[in-house]
């Protein structure tokens, strides 16, 4: 199954909102790996105040607010039965 990397931090209200918007769009098609940027110095340095951030296949897909078009483009590339 394809994987989206979701960079977040604990207590981030915008991160919670964007995740709630993202999950119904991708449910059953793409797995989400949550990454707390404060758990690694490299992530904290790279993303700091930019969270939430979504990456797919090594590319930045969206920062807040959620880029619905970018998510739909990813889904369009996936086979129908990507589970």
C-alpha atoms as a PDB file:
ATOM      1  CA  UNK A   1       0.000   0.000   0.000  1.00  0.00           C
ATOM      2  CA  UNK A   2       1.184   3.515  -0.771  1.00  0.00           C
ATOM      3  CA  UNK A   3       2.335   5.636   2.176  1.00  0.00           C
ATOM      4  CA  UNK A   4       1.888   9.313   2.989  1.00  0.00           C
ATOM      5  CA  UNK A   5       4.236  10.808   5.559  1.00  0.00           C
ATOM      6  CA  UNK A   6       2.450  13.267   7.819  1.00  0.00           C
ATOM      7  CA  UNK A   7       4.707  15.537   9.861  1.00  0.00           C
ATOM      8  CA  UNK A   8       3.062  16.954  12.945  1.00  0.00           C
ATOM      9  CA  UNK A   9       3.711  17.933  16.514  1.00  0.00           C
ATOM     10  CA  UNK A  10       1.852  17.308  19.737  1.00  0.00           C
ATOM     11  CA  UNK A  11      -0.682  20.005  20.567  1.00  0.00           C
ATOM     12  CA  UNK A  12      -0.812  21.418  17.023  1.00  0.00           C
ATOM     13  CA  UNK A  13      -4.430  22.382  16.372  1.00  0.00           C
ATOM     14  CA  UNK A  14      -3.869  22.908  12.637  1.00  0.00           C
ATOM     15  CA  UNK A  15      -2.263  19.456  12.435  1.00  0.00           C
ATOM     16  CA  UNK A  16      -5.378  17.887  13.944  1.00  0.00           C
ATOM     17  CA  UNK A  17      -7.679  19.736  11.549  1.00  0.00           C
ATOM     18  CA  UNK A  18      -5.690  18.773   8.458  1.00  0.00           C
ATOM     19  CA  UNK A  19      -5.454  15.124   9.514  1.00  0.00           C
ATOM     20  CA  UNK A  20      -9.240  15.011  10.006  1.00  0.00           C
ATOM     21  CA  UNK A  21      -9.651  16.366   6.462  1.00  0.00           C
ATOM     22  CA  UNK A  22      -7.074  13.993   4.976  1.00  0.00           C
ATOM     23  CA  UNK A  23      -8.149  10.659   6.429  1.00  0.00           C
ATOM     24  CA  UNK A  24     -11.580  10.366   4.751  1.00  0.00           C
ATOM     25  CA  UNK A  25     -10.020  11.130   1.363  1.00  0.00           C
ATOM     26  CA  UNK A  26      -7.407   8.388   1.507  1.00  0.00           C
ATOM     27  CA  UNK A  27      -8.986   5.734   3.734  1.00  0.00           C
ATOM     28  CA  UNK A  28      -8.332   2.280   2.346  1.00  0.00           C
ATOM     29  CA  UNK A  29      -6.093   3.586  -0.447  1.00  0.00           C
ATOM     30  CA  UNK A  30      -3.036   5.076   1.245  1.00  0.00           C
ATOM     31  CA  UNK A  31      -1.431   4.375   4.601  1.00  0.00           C
ATOM     32  CA  UNK A  32      -0.508   7.362   6.789  1.00  0.00           C
ATOM     33  CA  UNK A  33       2.685   7.363   8.813  1.00  0.00           C
ATOM     34  CA  UNK A  34       2.591  10.027  11.516  1.00  0.00           C
ATOM     35  CA  UNK A  35       5.896  11.649  12.395  1.00  0.00           C
ATOM     36  CA  UNK A  36       6.240  13.866  15.460  1.00  0.00           C
ATOM     37  CA  UNK A  37       8.823  16.438  14.371  1.00  0.00           C
ATOM     38  CA  UNK A  38       9.946  16.933  17.955  1.00  0.00           C
ATOM     39  CA  UNK A  39      11.113  13.313  18.140  1.00  0.00           C
ATOM     40  CA  UNK A  40      14.098  13.936  15.808  1.00  0.00           C
ATOM     41  CA  UNK A  41      16.299  17.023  15.675  1.00  0.00           C
ATOM     42  CA  UNK A  42      16.511  16.807  11.859  1.00  0.00           C
ATOM     43  CA  UNK A  43      12.718  16.887  11.501  1.00  0.00           C
ATOM     44  CA  UNK A  44      12.389  19.699  14.033  1.00  0.00           C
ATOM     45  CA  UNK A  45      14.991  21.744  12.147  1.00  0.00           C
ATOM     46  CA  UNK A  46      13.432  21.029   8.739  1.00  0.00           C
ATOM     47  CA  UNK A  47       9.765  21.603   9.609  1.00  0.00           C
ATOM     48  CA  UNK A  48       9.669  23.626  12.857  1.00  0.00           C
ATOM     49  CA  UNK A  49       6.769  26.069  12.415  1.00  0.00           C
ATOM     50  CA  UNK A  50       5.752  24.668   8.990  1.00  0.00           C
ATOM     51  CA  UNK A  51       3.720  21.764  10.396  1.00  0.00           C
ATOM     52  CA  UNK A  52       1.537  20.137   9.342  1.00  0.00           C
ATOM     53  CA  UNK A  53       3.360  18.860   6.266  1.00  0.00           C
ATOM     54  CA  UNK A  54       2.470  15.964   3.982  1.00  0.00           C
ATOM     55  CA  UNK A  55       5.066  14.212   1.846  1.00  0.00           C
ATOM     56  CA  UNK A  56       4.498  11.448  -0.664  1.00  0.00           C
ATOM     57  CA  UNK A  57       7.174   9.586  -2.587  1.00  0.00           C
ATOM     58  CA  UNK A  58       9.822  11.990  -1.265  1.00  0.00           C
ATOM     59  CA  UNK A  59       7.982  15.093  -2.466  1.00  0.00           C
ATOM     60  CA  UNK A  60       6.210  17.841  -0.540  1.00  0.00           C
ATOM     61  CA  UNK A  61       2.500  17.476  -1.229  1.00  0.00           C
ATOM     62  CA  UNK A  62       0.849  19.903   1.140  1.00  0.00           C
ATOM     63  CA  UNK A  63       1.272  22.205   4.051  1.00  0.00           C
ATOM     64  CA  UNK A  64      -1.680  23.741   5.876  1.00  0.00           C
ATOM     65  CA  UNK A  65      -4.305  24.128   4.488  1.00  0.00           C
ATOM     66  CA  UNK A  66      -4.746  20.723   2.876  1.00  0.00           C
ATOM     67  CA  UNK A  67      -4.189  20.735  -0.880  1.00  0.00           C
ATOM     68  CA  UNK A  68      -7.146  18.608  -1.952  1.00  0.00           C
ATOM     69  CA  UNK A  69      -6.072  18.722  -5.607  1.00  0.00           C
ATOM     70  CA  UNK A  70      -2.652  17.286  -4.785  1.00  0.00           C
ATOM     71  CA  UNK A  71      -4.213  14.451  -2.768  1.00  0.00           C
ATOM     72  CA  UNK A  72      -6.666  13.676  -5.569  1.00  0.00           C
ATOM     73  CA  UNK A  73      -3.778  13.625  -8.061  1.00  0.00           C
ATOM     74  CA  UNK A  74      -1.971  11.041  -5.925  1.00  0.00           C
ATOM     75  CA  UNK A  75      -5.111   8.932  -5.660  1.00  0.00           C
ATOM     76  CA  UNK A  76      -5.598   9.099  -9.440  1.00  0.00           C
ATOM     77  CA  UNK A  77      -2.143   7.549  -9.920  1.00  0.00           C
ATOM     78  CA  UNK A  78      -2.937   4.560  -7.728  1.00  0.00           C
ATOM     79  CA  UNK A  79      -4.493   1.345  -8.974  1.00  0.00           C
ATOM     80  CA  UNK A  80      -8.133   0.977  -7.919  1.00  0.00           C
ATOM     81  CA  UNK A  81      -7.272  -1.981  -5.696  1.00  0.00           C
ATOM     82  CA  UNK A  82      -4.260  -0.509  -3.906  1.00  0.00           C
ATOM     83  CA  UNK A  83      -5.117  -2.254  -0.637  1.00  0.00           C
END
